[in-house]
Every structure is written in C-alpha cells, then in structure tokens.
C-alpha cells in the first residue's frame, strides 16, 4: 500500500485546520442537547484529514485531537475514554488516507467509490483499535470491559453516527479535494 507524501506546507496547514475542527466541533454540538454523543462529530475532521492530507497526518491528528479536546474543553475524559479514542481516531485517519490512496489508484475514475470503501475500512479498523485499547486498559487497570460493551460501544450504540458518516463524509471528501 503506497502512501503519498503528505508533509507539504499545504497539507500541514490543512491538518491543523482539521485538528481545530476536531477539537471545537464537539463543543458546538453539545449546545444541542444529546447531539454530540450521537453524531460523533470529532471523527469527521479526522476522516477528512486522512483523505485530504494523507495517512501520516491523519494518524497524527487523530492521535492528538482527543487529548487536546480533553485538556482544552474537559471532554472527553482523558482516561480511559480519551486514551482509547486516541487509538480509534488515529486509525481512522491512518486507514482513511492509506486505503483512499490505494483504492483511488486501483479504481481510477471512481473516486466516490474509493472514498466509500476507504471510509468503511477506516470505520471498522478504528473501532477495532478502540476495542483493543479498551481491552488493554481493562487488563492493566480496574476498568471493566466486556464483549457486549465492545459491540455496543463500537457498533450498536454508534449506529446514528455510522449512518451519518457514511452519508456525508464521501461528499465532504469530494468537495474538500476540489
């Protein structure tokens, strides 16, 4: 899987913009009661960063966003939620960027299809990374984590966000890459 050079000044500046959005969009969403936890708006700029700026910057922004949001805004809680989110979001950015590059090359003109496939891989990989991080945290601390908590936390409880992301992220990728 080839990865493009993402460390141009343009991409670094865009990645910083996506980082700011990842930190502050949830703060705006909480103004509407119950909206932020349902839509997971922090995820969207991280996906976009991976798609637009490449896998390495997507990974970095995903790793840093939950920590900075926790320090600046107090949410998410840094431990255990924020730590697990670091890995989840980092893998979203990494996989979105890496697989988009790969699928785009193999699919040619079908960029929307490449963005949908990449998004699905990134969503699955990020949720697995979150579950693995939570499992490691649970094994090393007094935090409890079960298979049913993984299924609920990664899929069932996130269904509204999953549908929203599938509906809007590929369109945002197309608009942002123009």
N, C-alpha and C. Protein backbone atom coordinates (compact mmCIF):
# COMPACT_ATOMS: atom_id res chain seq x y z
N UNK A 1 0.85 -1.16 0.00
CA UNK A 1 0.00 0.00 0.00
C UNK A 1 0.90 1.23 0.00
N UNK A 2 0.90 1.99 -1.07
CA UNK A 2 1.73 3.19 -1.17
C UNK A 2 1.03 4.37 -0.50
N UNK A 3 1.83 5.19 0.13
CA UNK A 3 1.29 6.36 0.82
C UNK A 3 1.94 7.60 0.23
N UNK A 4 1.14 8.59 -0.13
CA UNK A 4 1.67 9.81 -0.73
C UNK A 4 2.41 10.64 0.31
N UNK A 5 3.27 11.52 -0.18
CA UNK A 5 3.98 12.44 0.71
C UNK A 5 2.99 13.47 1.20
N UNK A 6 2.68 13.45 2.47
CA UNK A 6 1.66 14.36 2.98
C UNK A 6 2.23 15.54 3.74
N UNK A 7 3.54 15.70 3.75
CA UNK A 7 4.12 16.75 4.57
C UNK A 7 4.43 18.03 3.80
N UNK A 8 3.59 18.39 2.84
CA UNK A 8 3.73 19.68 2.19
C UNK A 8 3.16 20.75 3.13
N UNK A 9 3.55 21.98 2.92
CA UNK A 9 3.06 23.06 3.77
C UNK A 9 1.53 23.15 3.70
N UNK A 10 0.98 22.96 2.50
CA UNK A 10 -0.48 22.99 2.33
C UNK A 10 -1.14 21.93 3.19
N UNK A 11 -0.63 20.71 3.15
CA UNK A 11 -1.23 19.63 3.91
C UNK A 11 -1.07 19.81 5.41
N UNK A 12 0.07 20.33 5.83
CA UNK A 12 0.26 20.58 7.26
C UNK A 12 -0.72 21.63 7.76
N UNK A 13 -0.91 22.70 6.97
CA UNK A 13 -1.89 23.73 7.37
C UNK A 13 -3.31 23.18 7.37
N UNK A 14 -3.65 22.37 6.36
CA UNK A 14 -4.98 21.75 6.35
C UNK A 14 -5.16 20.82 7.54
N UNK A 15 -4.12 20.06 7.87
CA UNK A 15 -4.21 19.15 9.02
C UNK A 15 -4.45 19.93 10.30
N UNK A 16 -3.80 21.07 10.44
CA UNK A 16 -4.03 21.91 11.63
C UNK A 16 -5.47 22.43 11.66
N UNK A 17 -6.01 22.78 10.51
CA UNK A 17 -7.41 23.21 10.42
C UNK A 17 -8.33 22.06 10.83
N UNK A 18 -8.05 20.85 10.35
CA UNK A 18 -8.86 19.69 10.74
C UNK A 18 -8.73 19.41 12.24
N UNK A 19 -7.56 19.65 12.80
CA UNK A 19 -7.37 19.47 14.24
C UNK A 19 -8.24 20.44 15.02
N UNK A 20 -8.24 21.70 14.61
CA UNK A 20 -9.08 22.70 15.28
C UNK A 20 -10.55 22.31 15.18
N UNK A 21 -10.98 21.87 14.00
CA UNK A 21 -12.37 21.43 13.84
C UNK A 21 -12.67 20.22 14.72
N UNK A 22 -11.74 19.28 14.80
CA UNK A 22 -11.96 18.08 15.62
C UNK A 22 -12.10 18.43 17.10
N UNK A 23 -11.41 19.47 17.52
CA UNK A 23 -11.48 19.87 18.93
C UNK A 23 -12.75 20.66 19.21
N UNK A 24 -13.10 21.57 18.32
CA UNK A 24 -14.17 22.51 18.64
C UNK A 24 -15.55 22.15 18.10
N UNK A 25 -15.66 21.30 17.08
CA UNK A 25 -16.99 20.89 16.61
C UNK A 25 -17.80 20.19 17.69
N UNK A 26 -17.20 19.29 18.48
CA UNK A 26 -17.99 18.69 19.57
C UNK A 26 -18.47 19.73 20.58
N UNK A 27 -17.66 20.77 20.80
CA UNK A 27 -18.07 21.84 21.71
C UNK A 27 -19.28 22.59 21.20
N UNK A 28 -19.37 22.74 19.88
CA UNK A 28 -20.56 23.37 19.29
C UNK A 28 -21.75 22.42 19.32
N UNK A 29 -21.49 21.15 19.07
CA UNK A 29 -22.57 20.16 19.02
C UNK A 29 -23.22 19.96 20.39
N UNK A 30 -22.46 20.13 21.48
CA UNK A 30 -23.06 19.93 22.80
C UNK A 30 -24.06 21.03 23.15
N UNK A 31 -24.06 22.09 22.39
CA UNK A 31 -25.04 23.16 22.61
C UNK A 31 -26.46 22.68 22.30
N UNK A 32 -26.55 21.63 21.46
CA UNK A 32 -27.84 20.99 21.19
C UNK A 32 -27.86 19.73 22.04
N UNK A 33 -28.70 19.68 23.06
CA UNK A 33 -28.67 18.55 24.00
C UNK A 33 -28.75 17.19 23.31
N UNK A 34 -27.80 16.32 23.67
CA UNK A 34 -27.79 14.96 23.17
C UNK A 34 -27.20 14.78 21.77
N UNK A 35 -26.84 15.87 21.10
CA UNK A 35 -26.38 15.76 19.71
C UNK A 35 -24.95 15.24 19.60
N UNK A 36 -24.02 15.77 20.38
CA UNK A 36 -22.60 15.42 20.25
C UNK A 36 -22.34 13.93 20.47
N UNK A 37 -22.89 13.32 21.53
CA UNK A 37 -22.58 11.91 21.73
C UNK A 37 -23.19 11.02 20.65
N UNK A 38 -24.23 11.47 19.99
CA UNK A 38 -24.90 10.65 18.99
C UNK A 38 -24.19 10.74 17.63
N UNK A 39 -23.73 11.93 17.26
CA UNK A 39 -23.18 12.13 15.93
C UNK A 39 -21.67 11.98 15.83
N UNK A 40 -20.98 11.98 16.96
CA UNK A 40 -19.52 11.81 16.98
C UNK A 40 -18.83 12.73 15.97
N UNK A 41 -19.07 14.02 16.13
CA UNK A 41 -18.56 14.99 15.16
C UNK A 41 -17.05 15.15 15.20
N UNK A 42 -16.37 14.72 16.26
CA UNK A 42 -14.91 14.78 16.28
C UNK A 42 -14.31 13.85 15.22
N UNK A 43 -15.01 12.79 14.90
CA UNK A 43 -14.50 11.81 13.94
C UNK A 43 -14.41 12.39 12.53
N UNK A 44 -15.34 13.23 12.15
CA UNK A 44 -15.44 13.71 10.77
C UNK A 44 -14.19 14.44 10.32
N UNK A 45 -13.68 15.45 11.07
CA UNK A 45 -12.45 16.11 10.61
C UNK A 45 -11.24 15.17 10.56
N UNK A 46 -11.21 14.16 11.41
CA UNK A 46 -10.10 13.21 11.37
C UNK A 46 -10.18 12.37 10.10
N UNK A 47 -11.36 11.88 9.76
CA UNK A 47 -11.51 11.17 8.48
C UNK A 47 -11.05 12.06 7.34
N UNK A 48 -11.56 13.29 7.32
CA UNK A 48 -11.22 14.21 6.24
C UNK A 48 -9.73 14.46 6.17
N UNK A 49 -9.09 14.59 7.31
CA UNK A 49 -7.64 14.80 7.32
C UNK A 49 -6.92 13.63 6.66
N UNK A 50 -7.32 12.42 6.98
CA UNK A 50 -6.72 11.25 6.34
C UNK A 50 -6.94 11.25 4.84
N UNK A 51 -8.16 11.54 4.42
CA UNK A 51 -8.48 11.55 2.99
C UNK A 51 -7.72 12.65 2.25
N UNK A 52 -7.69 13.84 2.80
CA UNK A 52 -7.16 15.01 2.10
C UNK A 52 -5.65 15.16 2.28
N UNK A 53 -5.16 14.94 3.48
CA UNK A 53 -3.75 15.22 3.81
C UNK A 53 -2.88 13.98 3.80
N UNK A 54 -3.47 12.81 3.80
CA UNK A 54 -2.71 11.58 3.77
C UNK A 54 -2.70 10.86 5.10
N UNK A 55 -2.28 9.60 5.04
CA UNK A 55 -2.31 8.72 6.21
C UNK A 55 -1.47 9.21 7.39
N UNK A 56 -0.22 9.67 7.18
CA UNK A 56 0.57 10.07 8.35
C UNK A 56 -0.03 11.25 9.12
N UNK A 57 -0.50 12.25 8.41
CA UNK A 57 -1.12 13.40 9.09
C UNK A 57 -2.48 13.03 9.66
N UNK A 58 -3.22 12.17 8.98
CA UNK A 58 -4.49 11.68 9.53
C UNK A 58 -4.27 10.95 10.84
N UNK A 59 -3.22 10.12 10.88
CA UNK A 59 -2.87 9.40 12.11
C UNK A 59 -2.51 10.38 13.22
N UNK A 60 -1.66 11.35 12.91
CA UNK A 60 -1.20 12.30 13.93
C UNK A 60 -2.34 13.14 14.48
N UNK A 61 -3.19 13.64 13.61
CA UNK A 61 -4.31 14.47 14.07
C UNK A 61 -5.29 13.63 14.88
N UNK A 62 -5.52 12.40 14.46
CA UNK A 62 -6.39 11.51 15.23
C UNK A 62 -5.83 11.21 16.61
N UNK A 63 -4.54 11.08 16.71
CA UNK A 63 -3.90 10.77 18.00
C UNK A 63 -3.96 11.98 18.94
N UNK A 64 -3.81 13.17 18.40
CA UNK A 64 -3.70 14.38 19.23
C UNK A 64 -5.06 14.99 19.59
N UNK A 65 -6.04 14.89 18.71
CA UNK A 65 -7.32 15.58 18.90
C UNK A 65 -8.02 15.25 20.22
N UNK A 66 -8.17 13.97 20.61
CA UNK A 66 -8.87 13.70 21.87
C UNK A 66 -8.14 14.24 23.09
N UNK A 67 -6.80 14.21 23.05
CA UNK A 67 -6.03 14.72 24.19
C UNK A 67 -6.21 16.22 24.31
N UNK A 68 -6.07 16.94 23.20
CA UNK A 68 -6.23 18.40 23.25
C UNK A 68 -7.66 18.78 23.62
N UNK A 69 -8.63 18.06 23.09
CA UNK A 69 -10.03 18.35 23.45
C UNK A 69 -10.25 18.13 24.94
N UNK A 70 -9.65 17.10 25.47
CA UNK A 70 -9.79 16.81 26.91
C UNK A 70 -9.15 17.92 27.74
N UNK A 71 -7.96 18.35 27.34
CA UNK A 71 -7.25 19.38 28.09
C UNK A 71 -7.93 20.75 27.96
N UNK A 72 -8.34 21.09 26.74
CA UNK A 72 -8.92 22.42 26.49
C UNK A 72 -10.37 22.51 26.94
N UNK A 73 -11.17 21.50 26.60
CA UNK A 73 -12.61 21.57 26.85
C UNK A 73 -13.10 20.68 27.99
N UNK A 74 -12.25 19.76 28.44
CA UNK A 74 -12.65 18.85 29.51
C UNK A 74 -13.45 17.66 29.04
N UNK A 75 -13.57 17.48 27.74
CA UNK A 75 -14.31 16.35 27.20
C UNK A 75 -13.63 15.92 25.91
N UNK A 76 -13.38 14.67 25.71
CA UNK A 76 -13.73 13.53 26.54
C UNK A 76 -12.84 13.46 27.79
N UNK A 77 -13.29 12.67 28.75
CA UNK A 77 -12.44 12.42 29.91
C UNK A 77 -11.15 11.79 29.40
N UNK A 78 -10.03 12.24 29.93
CA UNK A 78 -8.75 11.77 29.39
C UNK A 78 -8.56 10.27 29.58
N UNK A 79 -9.02 9.74 30.71
CA UNK A 79 -8.83 8.31 30.96
C UNK A 79 -10.13 7.70 31.46
N UNK A 80 -10.55 6.62 30.93
CA UNK A 80 -9.98 5.82 29.86
C UNK A 80 -10.47 6.22 28.47
N UNK A 81 -11.56 7.00 28.42
CA UNK A 81 -12.19 7.32 27.15
C UNK A 81 -11.25 8.00 26.17
N UNK A 82 -10.56 9.04 26.62
CA UNK A 82 -9.68 9.80 25.74
C UNK A 82 -8.52 8.98 25.22
N UNK A 83 -7.96 8.14 26.06
CA UNK A 83 -6.85 7.28 25.63
C UNK A 83 -7.32 6.30 24.56
N UNK A 84 -8.45 5.67 24.77
CA UNK A 84 -8.98 4.74 23.77
C UNK A 84 -9.34 5.47 22.47
N UNK A 85 -9.88 6.68 22.61
CA UNK A 85 -10.22 7.47 21.43
C UNK A 85 -8.98 7.86 20.64
N UNK A 86 -7.85 8.07 21.32
CA UNK A 86 -6.62 8.39 20.61
C UNK A 86 -6.31 7.32 19.56
N UNK A 87 -6.43 6.06 19.95
CA UNK A 87 -6.12 4.98 19.03
C UNK A 87 -7.20 4.82 17.97
N UNK A 88 -8.45 4.96 18.40
CA UNK A 88 -9.57 4.87 17.45
C UNK A 88 -9.43 5.92 16.36
N UNK A 89 -9.28 7.18 16.75
CA UNK A 89 -9.21 8.26 15.77
C UNK A 89 -7.93 8.20 14.95
N UNK A 90 -6.83 7.82 15.58
CA UNK A 90 -5.58 7.69 14.83
C UNK A 90 -5.72 6.67 13.71
N UNK A 91 -6.38 5.55 14.01
CA UNK A 91 -6.58 4.54 12.97
C UNK A 91 -7.59 5.00 11.93
N UNK A 92 -8.58 5.80 12.31
CA UNK A 92 -9.48 6.37 11.31
C UNK A 92 -8.68 7.18 10.30
N UNK A 93 -7.86 8.09 10.79
CA UNK A 93 -7.09 8.94 9.89
C UNK A 93 -6.09 8.16 9.06
N UNK A 94 -5.39 7.23 9.70
CA UNK A 94 -4.39 6.41 9.02
C UNK A 94 -5.02 5.57 7.91
N UNK A 95 -6.05 4.83 8.26
CA UNK A 95 -6.66 3.91 7.30
C UNK A 95 -7.42 4.64 6.20
N UNK A 96 -8.09 5.74 6.55
CA UNK A 96 -8.80 6.52 5.52
C UNK A 96 -7.81 7.01 4.46
N UNK A 97 -6.69 7.57 4.91
CA UNK A 97 -5.70 8.08 3.96
C UNK A 97 -5.02 6.99 3.16
N UNK A 98 -4.58 5.94 3.82
CA UNK A 98 -3.84 4.88 3.14
C UNK A 98 -4.72 4.12 2.14
N UNK A 99 -5.93 3.76 2.57
CA UNK A 99 -6.79 2.99 1.67
C UNK A 99 -7.38 3.87 0.57
N UNK A 100 -7.59 5.14 0.83
CA UNK A 100 -8.09 6.03 -0.22
C UNK A 100 -7.06 6.12 -1.34
N UNK A 101 -5.80 6.28 -0.97
CA UNK A 101 -4.75 6.32 -2.00
C UNK A 101 -4.72 5.03 -2.80
N UNK A 102 -4.81 3.91 -2.11
CA UNK A 102 -4.75 2.60 -2.77
C UNK A 102 -5.97 2.37 -3.65
N UNK A 103 -7.16 2.59 -3.10
CA UNK A 103 -8.39 2.36 -3.88
C UNK A 103 -8.52 3.34 -5.04
N UNK A 104 -8.08 4.57 -4.84
CA UNK A 104 -8.17 5.57 -5.90
C UNK A 104 -7.33 5.13 -7.09
N UNK A 105 -6.14 4.62 -6.83
CA UNK A 105 -5.29 4.15 -7.92
C UNK A 105 -5.90 2.94 -8.61
N UNK A 106 -6.44 2.02 -7.84
CA UNK A 106 -6.97 0.80 -8.45
C UNK A 106 -8.33 1.00 -9.10
N UNK A 107 -9.09 1.98 -8.63
CA UNK A 107 -10.44 2.19 -9.17
C UNK A 107 -10.49 3.29 -10.23
N UNK A 108 -9.39 3.99 -10.43
CA UNK A 108 -9.34 5.01 -11.46
C UNK A 108 -10.30 6.15 -11.20
N UNK A 109 -11.25 6.33 -12.12
CA UNK A 109 -12.14 7.48 -12.08
C UNK A 109 -13.22 7.37 -11.00
N UNK A 110 -13.34 6.24 -10.35
CA UNK A 110 -14.40 6.03 -9.37
C UNK A 110 -13.98 6.50 -7.98
N UNK A 111 -13.70 7.80 -7.85
CA UNK A 111 -13.20 8.34 -6.58
C UNK A 111 -14.24 8.26 -5.47
N UNK A 112 -15.50 8.43 -5.80
CA UNK A 112 -16.53 8.35 -4.76
C UNK A 112 -16.58 6.93 -4.22
N UNK A 113 -16.50 5.95 -5.10
CA UNK A 113 -16.45 4.57 -4.64
C UNK A 113 -15.24 4.30 -3.78
N UNK A 114 -14.10 4.89 -4.16
CA UNK A 114 -12.87 4.73 -3.38
C UNK A 114 -13.04 5.36 -1.99
N UNK A 115 -13.73 6.49 -1.93
CA UNK A 115 -13.91 7.13 -0.62
C UNK A 115 -14.88 6.33 0.26
N UNK A 116 -15.92 5.76 -0.32
CA UNK A 116 -16.83 4.91 0.46
C UNK A 116 -16.12 3.67 0.99
N UNK A 117 -15.39 2.97 0.13
CA UNK A 117 -14.68 1.78 0.57
C UNK A 117 -13.65 2.11 1.64
N UNK A 118 -12.91 3.19 1.43
CA UNK A 118 -11.89 3.59 2.40
C UNK A 118 -12.52 3.96 3.73
N UNK A 119 -13.64 4.65 3.67
CA UNK A 119 -14.34 5.04 4.89
C UNK A 119 -14.79 3.80 5.66
N UNK A 120 -15.35 2.84 4.97
CA UNK A 120 -15.81 1.62 5.64
C UNK A 120 -14.64 0.86 6.29
N UNK A 121 -13.52 0.77 5.59
CA UNK A 121 -12.34 0.11 6.17
C UNK A 121 -11.85 0.89 7.39
N UNK A 122 -11.79 2.21 7.26
CA UNK A 122 -11.33 3.05 8.36
C UNK A 122 -12.26 2.94 9.57
N UNK A 123 -13.57 2.93 9.31
CA UNK A 123 -14.54 2.82 10.41
C UNK A 123 -14.36 1.51 11.15
N UNK A 124 -14.21 0.44 10.42
CA UNK A 124 -14.03 -0.87 11.05
C UNK A 124 -12.69 -0.95 11.80
N UNK A 125 -11.63 -0.52 11.15
CA UNK A 125 -10.31 -0.56 11.77
C UNK A 125 -10.21 0.32 13.01
N UNK A 126 -10.80 1.50 12.95
CA UNK A 126 -10.78 2.39 14.10
C UNK A 126 -11.56 1.84 15.27
N UNK A 127 -12.68 1.21 14.99
CA UNK A 127 -13.47 0.62 16.06
C UNK A 127 -12.76 -0.59 16.68
N UNK A 128 -12.06 -1.35 15.86
CA UNK A 128 -11.27 -2.46 16.39
C UNK A 128 -10.13 -1.91 17.25
N UNK A 129 -9.49 -0.83 16.80
CA UNK A 129 -8.41 -0.21 17.58
C UNK A 129 -8.94 0.30 18.92
N UNK A 130 -10.13 0.89 18.91
CA UNK A 130 -10.75 1.35 20.16
C UNK A 130 -10.99 0.18 21.10
N UNK A 131 -11.53 -0.91 20.56
CA UNK A 131 -11.79 -2.08 21.38
C UNK A 131 -10.51 -2.68 21.94
N UNK A 132 -9.46 -2.73 21.12
CA UNK A 132 -8.18 -3.27 21.60
C UNK A 132 -7.60 -2.37 22.69
N UNK A 133 -7.69 -1.06 22.50
CA UNK A 133 -7.19 -0.13 23.52
C UNK A 133 -7.98 -0.29 24.82
N UNK A 134 -9.29 -0.41 24.72
CA UNK A 134 -10.10 -0.58 25.93
C UNK A 134 -9.79 -1.91 26.62
N UNK A 135 -9.54 -2.95 25.83
CA UNK A 135 -9.20 -4.25 26.41
C UNK A 135 -7.86 -4.16 27.16
N UNK A 136 -6.88 -3.53 26.57
CA UNK A 136 -5.58 -3.37 27.23
C UNK A 136 -5.72 -2.53 28.49
N UNK A 137 -6.50 -1.46 28.42
CA UNK A 137 -6.75 -0.63 29.60
C UNK A 137 -7.41 -1.46 30.69
N UNK A 138 -8.40 -2.26 30.30
CA UNK A 138 -9.11 -3.09 31.28
C UNK A 138 -8.18 -4.13 31.91
N UNK A 139 -7.29 -4.70 31.12
CA UNK A 139 -6.37 -5.71 31.65
C UNK A 139 -5.33 -5.10 32.60
N UNK A 140 -5.03 -3.82 32.42
CA UNK A 140 -3.99 -3.18 33.22
C UNK A 140 -4.53 -2.33 34.37
N UNK A 141 -5.82 -2.13 34.43
CA UNK A 141 -6.42 -1.26 35.45
C UNK A 141 -7.69 -1.92 36.00
N UNK A 142 -8.40 -1.15 36.79
CA UNK A 142 -9.67 -1.63 37.35
C UNK A 142 -10.86 -1.35 36.44
N UNK A 143 -10.62 -0.79 35.26
CA UNK A 143 -11.69 -0.52 34.31
C UNK A 143 -12.23 -1.85 33.80
N UNK A 144 -13.54 -1.97 33.72
CA UNK A 144 -14.14 -3.20 33.18
C UNK A 144 -14.49 -2.99 31.71
N UNK A 145 -14.38 -4.07 30.95
CA UNK A 145 -14.69 -4.00 29.52
C UNK A 145 -15.04 -5.41 29.07
N UNK A 146 -16.23 -5.55 28.50
CA UNK A 146 -16.69 -6.87 28.08
C UNK A 146 -16.97 -6.87 26.58
N UNK A 147 -17.21 -8.07 26.06
CA UNK A 147 -17.55 -8.21 24.65
C UNK A 147 -18.82 -7.42 24.31
N UNK A 148 -19.82 -7.47 25.17
CA UNK A 148 -21.06 -6.74 24.90
C UNK A 148 -20.82 -5.23 24.93
N UNK A 149 -19.92 -4.77 25.81
CA UNK A 149 -19.59 -3.34 25.83
C UNK A 149 -18.86 -2.93 24.55
N UNK A 150 -18.03 -3.83 24.02
CA UNK A 150 -17.37 -3.55 22.75
C UNK A 150 -18.39 -3.43 21.62
N UNK A 151 -19.28 -4.41 21.52
CA UNK A 151 -20.28 -4.39 20.45
C UNK A 151 -21.15 -3.14 20.55
N UNK A 152 -21.58 -2.82 21.76
CA UNK A 152 -22.41 -1.62 21.93
C UNK A 152 -21.61 -0.35 21.64
N UNK A 153 -20.42 -0.25 22.23
CA UNK A 153 -19.62 0.97 22.09
C UNK A 153 -19.08 1.19 20.70
N UNK A 154 -18.86 0.12 19.96
CA UNK A 154 -18.28 0.26 18.63
C UNK A 154 -19.33 0.26 17.51
N UNK A 155 -20.46 -0.38 17.73
CA UNK A 155 -21.41 -0.54 16.63
C UNK A 155 -22.84 -0.15 17.01
N UNK A 156 -23.46 -0.89 17.89
CA UNK A 156 -24.87 -0.69 18.19
C UNK A 156 -25.16 0.72 18.70
N UNK A 157 -24.41 1.17 19.67
CA UNK A 157 -24.64 2.49 20.25
C UNK A 157 -24.21 3.62 19.35
N UNK A 158 -23.45 3.31 18.31
CA UNK A 158 -22.92 4.32 17.41
C UNK A 158 -23.63 4.34 16.05
N UNK A 159 -24.74 3.64 15.95
CA UNK A 159 -25.39 3.47 14.65
C UNK A 159 -25.77 4.79 13.98
N UNK A 160 -26.28 5.75 14.73
CA UNK A 160 -26.65 7.04 14.13
C UNK A 160 -25.41 7.73 13.54
N UNK A 161 -24.31 7.69 14.26
CA UNK A 161 -23.08 8.31 13.78
C UNK A 161 -22.54 7.56 12.57
N UNK A 162 -22.59 6.24 12.60
CA UNK A 162 -22.11 5.44 11.47
C UNK A 162 -22.88 5.81 10.21
N UNK A 163 -24.19 5.87 10.30
CA UNK A 163 -25.02 6.22 9.15
C UNK A 163 -24.71 7.65 8.69
N UNK A 164 -24.62 8.59 9.62
CA UNK A 164 -24.31 9.98 9.27
C UNK A 164 -22.97 10.06 8.56
N UNK A 165 -21.96 9.41 9.09
CA UNK A 165 -20.63 9.47 8.48
C UNK A 165 -20.63 8.87 7.09
N UNK A 166 -21.33 7.75 6.90
CA UNK A 166 -21.41 7.14 5.57
C UNK A 166 -22.12 8.06 4.59
N UNK A 167 -23.13 8.78 5.08
CA UNK A 167 -23.88 9.68 4.20
C UNK A 167 -23.12 10.95 3.84
N UNK A 168 -22.36 11.52 4.79
CA UNK A 168 -21.78 12.83 4.50
C UNK A 168 -20.28 12.85 4.22
N UNK A 169 -19.51 11.93 4.76
CA UNK A 169 -18.06 12.03 4.63
C UNK A 169 -17.60 11.91 3.16
N UNK A 170 -18.07 10.94 2.37
CA UNK A 170 -17.60 10.89 0.97
C UNK A 170 -17.91 12.16 0.18
N UNK A 171 -19.07 12.76 0.43
CA UNK A 171 -19.38 14.03 -0.23
C UNK A 171 -18.46 15.15 0.22
N UNK A 172 -18.15 15.18 1.50
CA UNK A 172 -17.21 16.18 2.01
C UNK A 172 -15.81 15.96 1.44
N UNK A 173 -15.43 14.71 1.28
CA UNK A 173 -14.13 14.40 0.68
C UNK A 173 -14.08 14.95 -0.75
N UNK A 174 -15.12 14.70 -1.51
CA UNK A 174 -15.18 15.19 -2.89
C UNK A 174 -15.09 16.71 -2.93
N UNK A 175 -15.81 17.38 -2.05
CA UNK A 175 -15.78 18.85 -2.01
C UNK A 175 -14.45 19.38 -1.54
N UNK A 176 -13.88 18.75 -0.53
CA UNK A 176 -12.63 19.23 0.05
C UNK A 176 -11.45 19.02 -0.88
N UNK A 177 -11.47 17.95 -1.65
CA UNK A 177 -10.34 17.65 -2.54
C UNK A 177 -10.36 18.49 -3.80
N UNK A 178 -11.43 19.23 -4.07
CA UNK A 178 -11.51 20.07 -5.27
C UNK A 178 -10.56 21.24 -5.18
